[in-house]
Amino acid sequence: LVSTVSLPMIGVGIWALLKENFTTTHFPIRLNRK
């Protein structure tokens, strides 16, 4: 039961961490007047 519950939760947590890590520090928005 512990394995069934914890392993998916750990997997989701790692997936969420990868959304913020090992990527760029910011995602810029550029507005071009011309």
PDB file of all heavy atoms in Angstrom:
ATOM      1  N   LEU A   1       0.824  -1.203   0.000  1.00  0.00           N
ATOM      2  CA  LEU A   1       0.000   0.000   0.000  1.00  0.00           C
ATOM      3  C   LEU A   1       0.865   1.262   0.000  1.00  0.00           C
ATOM      4  O   LEU A   1       0.606   2.206  -0.756  1.00  0.00           O
ATOM      5  CB  LEU A   1      -0.928  -0.013   1.219  1.00  0.00           C
ATOM      6  CG  LEU A   1      -1.843   1.213   1.385  1.00  0.00           C
ATOM      7  CD1 LEU A   1      -2.800   1.315   0.205  1.00  0.00           C
ATOM      8  CD2 LEU A   1      -2.612   1.129   2.696  1.00  0.00           C
ATOM      9  N   VAL A   2       1.900   1.261   0.853  1.00  0.00           N
ATOM     10  CA  VAL A   2       2.811   2.405   0.912  1.00  0.00           C
ATOM     11  C   VAL A   2       3.479   2.636  -0.441  1.00  0.00           C
ATOM     12  O   VAL A   2       3.590   3.768  -0.930  1.00  0.00           O
ATOM     13  CB  VAL A   2       3.867   2.205   2.020  1.00  0.00           C
ATOM     14  CG1 VAL A   2       4.963   3.269   1.909  1.00  0.00           C
ATOM     15  CG2 VAL A   2       3.217   2.269   3.391  1.00  0.00           C
ATOM     16  N   SER A   3       3.924   1.538  -1.074  1.00  0.00           N
ATOM     17  CA  SER A   3       4.580   1.653  -2.379  1.00  0.00           C
ATOM     18  C   SER A   3       3.622   2.171  -3.439  1.00  0.00           C
ATOM     19  O   SER A   3       3.963   3.022  -4.257  1.00  0.00           O
ATOM     20  CB  SER A   3       5.142   0.297  -2.803  1.00  0.00           C
ATOM     21  OG  SER A   3       6.078  -0.183  -1.862  1.00  0.00           O
ATOM     22  N   THR A   4       2.387   1.647  -3.395  1.00  0.00           N
ATOM     23  CA  THR A   4       1.397   2.043  -4.397  1.00  0.00           C
ATOM     24  C   THR A   4       1.056   3.523  -4.291  1.00  0.00           C
ATOM     25  O   THR A   4       0.842   4.198  -5.302  1.00  0.00           O
ATOM     26  CB  THR A   4       0.115   1.201  -4.223  1.00  0.00           C
ATOM     27  OG1 THR A   4       0.431  -0.182  -4.348  1.00  0.00           O
ATOM     28  CG2 THR A   4      -0.923   1.577  -5.273  1.00  0.00           C
ATOM     29  N   VAL A   5       1.028   4.045  -3.067  1.00  0.00           N
ATOM     30  CA  VAL A   5       0.675   5.449  -2.854  1.00  0.00           C
ATOM     31  C   VAL A   5       1.874   6.370  -3.037  1.00  0.00           C
ATOM     32  O   VAL A   5       1.787   7.406  -3.700  1.00  0.00           O
ATOM     33  CB  VAL A   5       0.060   5.647  -1.452  1.00  0.00           C
ATOM     34  CG1 VAL A   5      -0.143   7.133  -1.161  1.00  0.00           C
ATOM     35  CG2 VAL A   5      -1.247   4.887  -1.334  1.00  0.00           C
ATOM     36  N   SER A   6       3.014   5.992  -2.465  1.00  0.00           N
ATOM     37  CA  SER A   6       4.157   6.900  -2.436  1.00  0.00           C
ATOM     38  C   SER A   6       4.882   7.028  -3.768  1.00  0.00           C
ATOM     39  O   SER A   6       5.311   8.132  -4.141  1.00  0.00           O
ATOM     40  CB  SER A   6       5.143   6.463  -1.352  1.00  0.00           C
ATOM     41  OG  SER A   6       5.665   5.180  -1.624  1.00  0.00           O
ATOM     42  N   LEU A   7       5.015   5.938  -4.498  1.00  0.00           N
ATOM     43  CA  LEU A   7       5.783   6.007  -5.746  1.00  0.00           C
ATOM     44  C   LEU A   7       5.150   6.957  -6.776  1.00  0.00           C
ATOM     45  O   LEU A   7       5.865   7.780  -7.369  1.00  0.00           O
ATOM     46  CB  LEU A   7       5.956   4.604  -6.333  1.00  0.00           C
ATOM     47  CG  LEU A   7       6.896   3.682  -5.548  1.00  0.00           C
ATOM     48  CD1 LEU A   7       6.991   2.301  -6.204  1.00  0.00           C
ATOM     49  CD2 LEU A   7       8.295   4.298  -5.419  1.00  0.00           C
ATOM     50  N   PRO A   8       3.830   6.881  -7.018  1.00  0.00           N
ATOM     51  CA  PRO A   8       3.239   7.877  -7.931  1.00  0.00           C
ATOM     52  C   PRO A   8       3.391   9.304  -7.417  1.00  0.00           C
ATOM     53  O   PRO A   8       3.618  10.233  -8.200  1.00  0.00           O
ATOM     54  CB  PRO A   8       1.765   7.461  -7.995  1.00  0.00           C
ATOM     55  CG  PRO A   8       1.758   6.016  -7.642  1.00  0.00           C
ATOM     56  CD  PRO A   8       2.850   5.855  -6.627  1.00  0.00           C
ATOM     57  N   MET A   9       3.270   9.501  -6.091  1.00  0.00           N
ATOM     58  CA  MET A   9       3.418  10.844  -5.526  1.00  0.00           C
ATOM     59  C   MET A   9       4.835  11.360  -5.721  1.00  0.00           C
ATOM     60  O   MET A   9       5.054  12.530  -6.035  1.00  0.00           O
ATOM     61  CB  MET A   9       3.040  10.833  -4.045  1.00  0.00           C
ATOM     62  CG  MET A   9       1.568  10.549  -3.785  1.00  0.00           C
ATOM     63  SD  MET A   9       1.174  10.398  -2.020  1.00  0.00           S
ATOM     64  CE  MET A   9       1.461  12.071  -1.470  1.00  0.00           C
ATOM     65  N   ILE A  10       5.819  10.488  -5.538  1.00  0.00           N
ATOM     66  CA  ILE A  10       7.212  10.873  -5.764  1.00  0.00           C
ATOM     67  C   ILE A  10       7.424  11.213  -7.245  1.00  0.00           C
ATOM     68  O   ILE A  10       8.092  12.194  -7.581  1.00  0.00           O
ATOM     69  CB  ILE A  10       8.168   9.740  -5.326  1.00  0.00           C
ATOM     70  CG1 ILE A  10       8.131   9.598  -3.796  1.00  0.00           C
ATOM     71  CG2 ILE A  10       9.589  10.016  -5.798  1.00  0.00           C
ATOM     72  CD1 ILE A  10       8.899   8.394  -3.276  1.00  0.00           C
ATOM     73  N   GLY A  11       6.823  10.394  -8.128  1.00  0.00           N
ATOM     74  CA  GLY A  11       6.946  10.657  -9.556  1.00  0.00           C
ATOM     75  C   GLY A  11       6.359  11.994  -9.957  1.00  0.00           C
ATOM     76  O   GLY A  11       6.966  12.751 -10.730  1.00  0.00           O
ATOM     77  N   VAL A  12       5.175  12.339  -9.421  1.00  0.00           N
ATOM     78  CA  VAL A  12       4.548  13.624  -9.715  1.00  0.00           C
ATOM     79  C   VAL A  12       5.405  14.772  -9.175  1.00  0.00           C
ATOM     80  O   VAL A  12       5.567  15.809  -9.828  1.00  0.00           O
ATOM     81  CB  VAL A  12       3.125  13.679  -9.116  1.00  0.00           C
ATOM     82  CG1 VAL A  12       2.552  15.087  -9.203  1.00  0.00           C
ATOM     83  CG2 VAL A  12       2.216  12.698  -9.842  1.00  0.00           C
ATOM     84  N   GLY A  13       5.968  14.575  -7.981  1.00  0.00           N
ATOM     85  CA  GLY A  13       6.819  15.605  -7.398  1.00  0.00           C
ATOM     86  C   GLY A  13       8.055  15.866  -8.244  1.00  0.00           C
ATOM     87  O   GLY A  13       8.444  17.021  -8.462  1.00  0.00           O
ATOM     88  N   ILE A  14       8.687  14.821  -8.734  1.00  0.00           N
ATOM     89  CA  ILE A  14       9.871  14.970  -9.584  1.00  0.00           C
ATOM     90  C   ILE A  14       9.499  15.668 -10.890  1.00  0.00           C
ATOM     91  O   ILE A  14      10.222  16.541 -11.381  1.00  0.00           O
ATOM     92  CB  ILE A  14      10.513  13.596  -9.848  1.00  0.00           C
ATOM     93  CG1 ILE A  14      11.106  13.047  -8.545  1.00  0.00           C
ATOM     94  CG2 ILE A  14      11.595  13.695 -10.923  1.00  0.00           C
ATOM     95  CD1 ILE A  14      11.633  11.629  -8.662  1.00  0.00           C
ATOM     96  N   TRP A  15       8.345  15.279 -11.472  1.00  0.00           N
ATOM     97  CA  TRP A  15       7.872  15.937 -12.694  1.00  0.00           C
ATOM     98  C   TRP A  15       7.681  17.432 -12.469  1.00  0.00           C
ATOM     99  O   TRP A  15       8.079  18.256 -13.312  1.00  0.00           O
ATOM    100  CB  TRP A  15       6.560  15.295 -13.127  1.00  0.00           C
ATOM    101  CG  TRP A  15       5.839  16.061 -14.200  1.00  0.00           C
ATOM    102  CD1 TRP A  15       6.099  16.065 -15.540  1.00  0.00           C
ATOM    103  CD2 TRP A  15       4.742  16.970 -14.003  1.00  0.00           C
ATOM    104  NE1 TRP A  15       5.230  16.901 -16.197  1.00  0.00           N
ATOM    105  CE2 TRP A  15       4.383  17.473 -15.278  1.00  0.00           C
ATOM    106  CE3 TRP A  15       4.027  17.389 -12.886  1.00  0.00           C
ATOM    107  CZ2 TRP A  15       3.346  18.376 -15.454  1.00  0.00           C
ATOM    108  CZ3 TRP A  15       2.994  18.295 -13.058  1.00  0.00           C
ATOM    109  CH2 TRP A  15       2.665  18.779 -14.328  1.00  0.00           C
ATOM    110  N   ALA A  16       7.093  17.803 -11.332  1.00  0.00           N
ATOM    111  CA  ALA A  16       6.881  19.221 -11.031  1.00  0.00           C
ATOM    112  C   ALA A  16       8.207  19.946 -10.820  1.00  0.00           C
ATOM    113  O   ALA A  16       8.372  21.094 -11.245  1.00  0.00           O
ATOM    114  CB  ALA A  16       5.993  19.363  -9.792  1.00  0.00           C
ATOM    115  N   LEU A  17       9.172  19.282 -10.174  1.00  0.00           N
ATOM    116  CA  LEU A  17      10.483  19.894  -9.976  1.00  0.00           C
ATOM    117  C   LEU A  17      11.169  20.182 -11.302  1.00  0.00           C
ATOM    118  O   LEU A  17      11.838  21.210 -11.464  1.00  0.00           O
ATOM    119  CB  LEU A  17      11.370  18.980  -9.123  1.00  0.00           C
ATOM    120  CG  LEU A  17      11.111  18.964  -7.620  1.00  0.00           C
ATOM    121  CD1 LEU A  17      11.999  17.920  -6.951  1.00  0.00           C
ATOM    122  CD2 LEU A  17      11.383  20.344  -7.014  1.00  0.00           C
ATOM    123  N   LEU A  18      11.026  19.281 -12.256  1.00  0.00           N
ATOM    124  CA  LEU A  18      11.667  19.464 -13.553  1.00  0.00           C
ATOM    125  C   LEU A  18      11.073  20.635 -14.319  1.00  0.00           C
ATOM    126  O   LEU A  18      11.711  21.173 -15.228  1.00  0.00           O
ATOM    127  CB  LEU A  18      11.556  18.179 -14.383  1.00  0.00           C
ATOM    128  CG  LEU A  18      12.366  16.985 -13.865  1.00  0.00           C
ATOM    129  CD1 LEU A  18      12.103  15.758 -14.709  1.00  0.00           C
ATOM    130  CD2 LEU A  18      13.853  17.303 -13.835  1.00  0.00           C
ATOM    131  N   LYS A  19       9.842  21.037 -13.965  1.00  0.00           N
ATOM    132  CA  LYS A  19       9.236  22.193 -14.602  1.00  0.00           C
ATOM    133  C   LYS A  19       9.967  23.486 -14.252  1.00  0.00           C
ATOM    134  O   LYS A  19       9.926  24.462 -15.003  1.00  0.00           O
ATOM    135  CB  LYS A  19       7.764  22.319 -14.172  1.00  0.00           C
ATOM    136  CG  LYS A  19       6.834  21.298 -14.779  1.00  0.00           C
ATOM    137  CD  LYS A  19       6.525  21.637 -16.224  1.00  0.00           C
ATOM    138  CE  LYS A  19       5.471  20.729 -16.791  1.00  0.00           C
ATOM    139  NZ  LYS A  19       5.060  21.111 -18.161  1.00  0.00           N
ATOM    140  N   GLU A  20      10.614  23.494 -13.096  1.00  0.00           N
ATOM    141  CA  GLU A  20      11.277  24.706 -12.623  1.00  0.00           C
ATOM    142  C   GLU A  20      12.796  24.599 -12.668  1.00  0.00           C
ATOM    143  O   GLU A  20      13.497  25.611 -12.600  1.00  0.00           O
ATOM    144  CB  GLU A  20      10.830  25.028 -11.189  1.00  0.00           C
ATOM    145  CG  GLU A  20      11.208  26.415 -10.733  1.00  0.00           C
ATOM    146  CD  GLU A  20      10.591  26.787  -9.403  1.00  0.00           C
ATOM    147  OE1 GLU A  20      11.003  26.219  -8.371  1.00  0.00           O
ATOM    148  OE2 GLU A  20       9.678  27.626  -9.385  1.00  0.00           O
ATOM    149  N   ASN A  21      13.325  23.399 -12.796  1.00  0.00           N
ATOM    150  CA  ASN A  21      14.764  23.188 -12.772  1.00  0.00           C
ATOM    151  C   ASN A  21      15.263  22.633 -14.101  1.00  0.00           C
ATOM    152  O   ASN A  21      14.496  22.127 -14.911  1.00  0.00           O
ATOM    153  CB  ASN A  21      15.130  22.228 -11.631  1.00  0.00           C
ATOM    154  CG  ASN A  21      14.828  22.817 -10.272  1.00  0.00           C
ATOM    155  OD1 ASN A  21      15.610  23.551  -9.704  1.00  0.00           O
ATOM    156  ND2 ASN A  21      13.644  22.497  -9.736  1.00  0.00           N
ATOM    157  N   PHE A  22      16.573  22.737 -14.284  1.00  0.00           N
ATOM    158  CA  PHE A  22      17.222  22.265 -15.506  1.00  0.00           C
ATOM    159  C   PHE A  22      16.619  22.933 -16.743  1.00  0.00           C
ATOM    160  O   PHE A  22      16.424  22.312 -17.782  1.00  0.00           O
ATOM    161  CB  PHE A  22      17.133  20.738 -15.617  1.00  0.00           C
ATOM    162  CG  PHE A  22      17.674  20.025 -14.405  1.00  0.00           C
ATOM    163  CD1 PHE A  22      16.799  19.438 -13.500  1.00  0.00           C
ATOM    164  CD2 PHE A  22      19.031  19.989 -14.139  1.00  0.00           C
ATOM    165  CE1 PHE A  22      17.274  18.801 -12.366  1.00  0.00           C
ATOM    166  CE2 PHE A  22      19.523  19.358 -13.010  1.00  0.00           C
ATOM    167  CZ  PHE A  22      18.645  18.765 -12.128  1.00  0.00           C
ATOM    168  N   THR A  23      16.299  24.208 -16.602  1.00  0.00           N
ATOM    169  CA  THR A  23      15.770  24.996 -17.700  1.00  0.00           C
ATOM    170  C   THR A  23      16.271  26.426 -17.534  1.00  0.00           C
ATOM    171  O   THR A  23      17.129  26.676 -16.698  1.00  0.00           O
ATOM    172  CB  THR A  23      14.233  24.942 -17.712  1.00  0.00           C
ATOM    173  OG1 THR A  23      13.750  25.655 -18.849  1.00  0.00           O
ATOM    174  CG2 THR A  23      13.636  25.533 -16.443  1.00  0.00           C
ATOM    175  N   THR A  24      15.759  27.358 -18.315  1.00  0.00           N
ATOM    176  CA  THR A  24      16.214  28.736 -18.223  1.00  0.00           C
ATOM    177  C   THR A  24      15.712  29.386 -16.936  1.00  0.00           C
ATOM    178  O   THR A  24      14.722  28.956 -16.348  1.00  0.00           O
ATOM    179  CB  THR A  24      15.724  29.552 -19.430  1.00  0.00           C
ATOM    180  OG1 THR A  24      14.306  29.447 -19.517  1.00  0.00           O
ATOM    181  CG2 THR A  24      16.343  29.029 -20.717  1.00  0.00           C
ATOM    182  N   THR A  25      16.392  30.448 -16.520  1.00  0.00           N
ATOM    183  CA  THR A  25      16.041  31.111 -15.264  1.00  0.00           C
ATOM    184  C   THR A  25      14.811  31.995 -15.387  1.00  0.00           C
ATOM    185  O   THR A  25      14.208  32.373 -14.384  1.00  0.00           O
ATOM    186  CB  THR A  25      17.215  31.970 -14.757  1.00  0.00           C
ATOM    187  OG1 THR A  25      17.569  32.924 -15.782  1.00  0.00           O
ATOM    188  CG2 THR A  25      18.421  31.099 -14.448  1.00  0.00           C
ATOM    189  N   HIS A  26      14.454  32.362 -16.602  1.00  0.00           N
ATOM    190  CA  HIS A  26      13.243  33.148 -16.812  1.00  0.00           C
ATOM    191  C   HIS A  26      12.754  32.914 -18.244  1.00  0.00           C
ATOM    192  O   HIS A  26      13.507  32.456 -19.109  1.00  0.00           O
ATOM    193  CB  HIS A  26      13.498  34.635 -16.575  1.00  0.00           C
ATOM    194  CG  HIS A  26      14.416  35.279 -17.573  1.00  0.00           C
ATOM    195  ND1 HIS A  26      15.769  35.004 -17.639  1.00  0.00           N
ATOM    196  CD2 HIS A  26      14.167  36.162 -18.577  1.00  0.00           C
ATOM    197  CE1 HIS A  26      16.319  35.692 -18.617  1.00  0.00           C
ATOM    198  NE2 HIS A  26      15.374  36.401 -19.205  1.00  0.00           N
ATOM    199  N   PHE A  27      11.486  33.216 -18.465  1.00  0.00           N
ATOM    200  CA  PHE A  27      10.869  33.020 -19.774  1.00  0.00           C
ATOM    201  C   PHE A  27      10.365  34.380 -20.268  1.00  0.00           C
ATOM    202  O   PHE A  27       9.227  34.765 -19.989  1.00  0.00           O
ATOM    203  CB  PHE A  27       9.706  32.023 -19.695  1.00  0.00           C
ATOM    204  CG  PHE A  27      10.079  30.723 -19.032  1.00  0.00           C
ATOM    205  CD1 PHE A  27       9.266  30.165 -18.063  1.00  0.00           C
ATOM    206  CD2 PHE A  27      11.252  30.063 -19.366  1.00  0.00           C
ATOM    207  CE1 PHE A  27       9.602  28.963 -17.453  1.00  0.00           C
ATOM    208  CE2 PHE A  27      11.596  28.867 -18.757  1.00  0.00           C
ATOM    209  CZ  PHE A  27      10.776  28.315 -17.806  1.00  0.00           C
ATOM    210  N   PRO A  28      11.182  35.122 -20.982  1.00  0.00           N
ATOM    211  CA  PRO A  28      10.832  36.512 -21.324  1.00  0.00           C
ATOM    212  C   PRO A  28       9.670  36.641 -22.297  1.00  0.00           C
ATOM    213  O   PRO A  28       9.383  35.753 -23.093  1.00  0.00           O
ATOM    214  CB  PRO A  28      12.129  37.045 -21.946  1.00  0.00           C
ATOM    215  CG  PRO A  28      12.827  35.839 -22.472  1.00  0.00           C
ATOM    216  CD  PRO A  28      12.510  34.745 -21.500  1.00  0.00           C
ATOM    217  N   ILE A  29       9.014  37.794 -22.196  1.00  0.00           N
ATOM    218  CA  ILE A  29       7.976  38.215 -23.131  1.00  0.00           C
ATOM    219  C   ILE A  29       8.502  39.474 -23.826  1.00  0.00           C
ATOM    220  O   ILE A  29       8.882  40.431 -23.158  1.00  0.00           O
ATOM    221  CB  ILE A  29       6.658  38.520 -22.409  1.00  0.00           C
ATOM    222  CG1 ILE A  29       6.136  37.274 -21.685  1.00  0.00           C
ATOM    223  CG2 ILE A  29       5.606  39.039 -23.382  1.00  0.00           C
ATOM    224  CD1 ILE A  29       4.934  37.549 -20.788  1.00  0.00           C
ATOM    225  N   ARG A  30       8.537  39.449 -25.140  1.00  0.00           N
ATOM    226  CA  ARG A  30       9.047  40.598 -25.895  1.00  0.00           C
ATOM    227  C   ARG A  30       7.918  41.260 -26.671  1.00  0.00           C
ATOM    228  O   ARG A  30       7.205  40.608 -27.436  1.00  0.00           O
ATOM    229  CB  ARG A  30      10.164  40.180 -26.846  1.00  0.00           C
ATOM    230  CG  ARG A  30      10.704  41.322 -27.692  1.00  0.00           C
ATOM    231  CD  ARG A  30      11.940  40.936 -28.480  1.00  0.00           C
ATOM    232  NE  ARG A  30      13.087  40.718 -27.614  1.00  0.00           N
ATOM    233  CZ  ARG A  30      14.346  40.635 -28.057  1.00  0.00           C
ATOM    234  NH1 ARG A  30      14.600  40.720 -29.358  1.00  0.00           N
ATOM    235  NH2 ARG A  30      15.335  40.427 -27.213  1.00  0.00           N
ATOM    236  N   LEU A  31       7.768  42.568 -26.457  1.00  0.00           N
ATOM    237  CA  LEU A  31       6.760  43.351 -27.164  1.00  0.00           C
ATOM    238  C   LEU A  31       7.471  44.257 -28.167  1.00  0.00           C
ATOM    239  O   LEU A  31       8.251  45.131 -27.766  1.00  0.00           O
ATOM    240  CB  LEU A  31       5.948  44.195 -26.178  1.00  0.00           C
ATOM    241  CG  LEU A  31       5.211  43.398 -25.094  1.00  0.00           C
ATOM    242  CD1 LEU A  31       5.879  43.616 -23.726  1.00  0.00           C
ATOM    243  CD2 LEU A  31       3.750  43.804 -25.028  1.00  0.00           C
ATOM    244  N   ASN A  32       7.225  44.037 -29.437  1.00  0.00           N
ATOM    245  CA  ASN A  32       7.900  44.782 -30.498  1.00  0.00           C
ATOM    246  C   ASN A  32       6.968  45.851 -31.060  1.00  0.00           C
ATOM    247  O   ASN A  32       5.926  45.537 -31.642  1.00  0.00           O
ATOM    248  CB  ASN A  32       8.343  43.810 -31.597  1.00  0.00           C
ATOM    249  CG  ASN A  32       9.294  44.458 -32.590  1.00  0.00           C
ATOM    250  OD1 ASN A  32       8.998  45.494 -33.175  1.00  0.00           O
ATOM    251  ND2 ASN A  32      10.436  43.827 -32.773  1.00  0.00           N
ATOM    252  N   ARG A  33       7.354  47.121 -30.878  1.00  0.00           N
ATOM    253  CA  ARG A  33       6.535  48.246 -31.356  1.00  0.00           C
ATOM    254  C   ARG A  33       6.533  48.356 -32.876  1.00  0.00           C
ATOM    255  O   ARG A  33       5.542  48.764 -33.473  1.00  0.00           O
ATOM    256  CB  ARG A  33       7.087  49.556 -30.790  1.00  0.00           C
ATOM    257  CG  ARG A  33       6.709  49.856 -29.378  1.00  0.00           C
ATOM    258  CD  ARG A  33       7.456  51.082 -28.875  1.00  0.00           C
ATOM    259  NE  ARG A  33       7.356  52.206 -29.792  1.00  0.00           N
ATOM    260  CZ  ARG A  33       6.388  53.118 -29.765  1.00  0.00           C
ATOM    261  NH1 ARG A  33       5.419  53.020 -28.853  1.00  0.00           N
ATOM    262  NH2 ARG A  33       6.373  54.121 -30.626  1.00  0.00           N
ATOM    263  N   LYS A  34       7.651  48.017 -33.486  1.00  0.00           N
ATOM    264  CA  LYS A  34       7.806  48.247 -34.916  1.00  0.00           C
ATOM    265  C   LYS A  34       6.967  47.287 -35.753  1.00  0.00           C
ATOM    266  O   LYS A  34       6.279  47.702 -36.687  1.00  0.00           O
ATOM    267  CB  LYS A  34       9.283  48.131 -35.301  1.00  0.00           C
ATOM    268  CG  LYS A  34      10.172  49.184 -34.648  1.00  0.00           C
ATOM    269  CD  LYS A  34       9.836  50.575 -35.143  1.00  0.00           C
ATOM    270  CE  LYS A  34      10.665  51.665 -34.473  1.00  0.00           C
ATOM    271  NZ  LYS A  34      12.091  51.578 -34.827  1.00  0.00           N
TER     272      LYS A  34
END
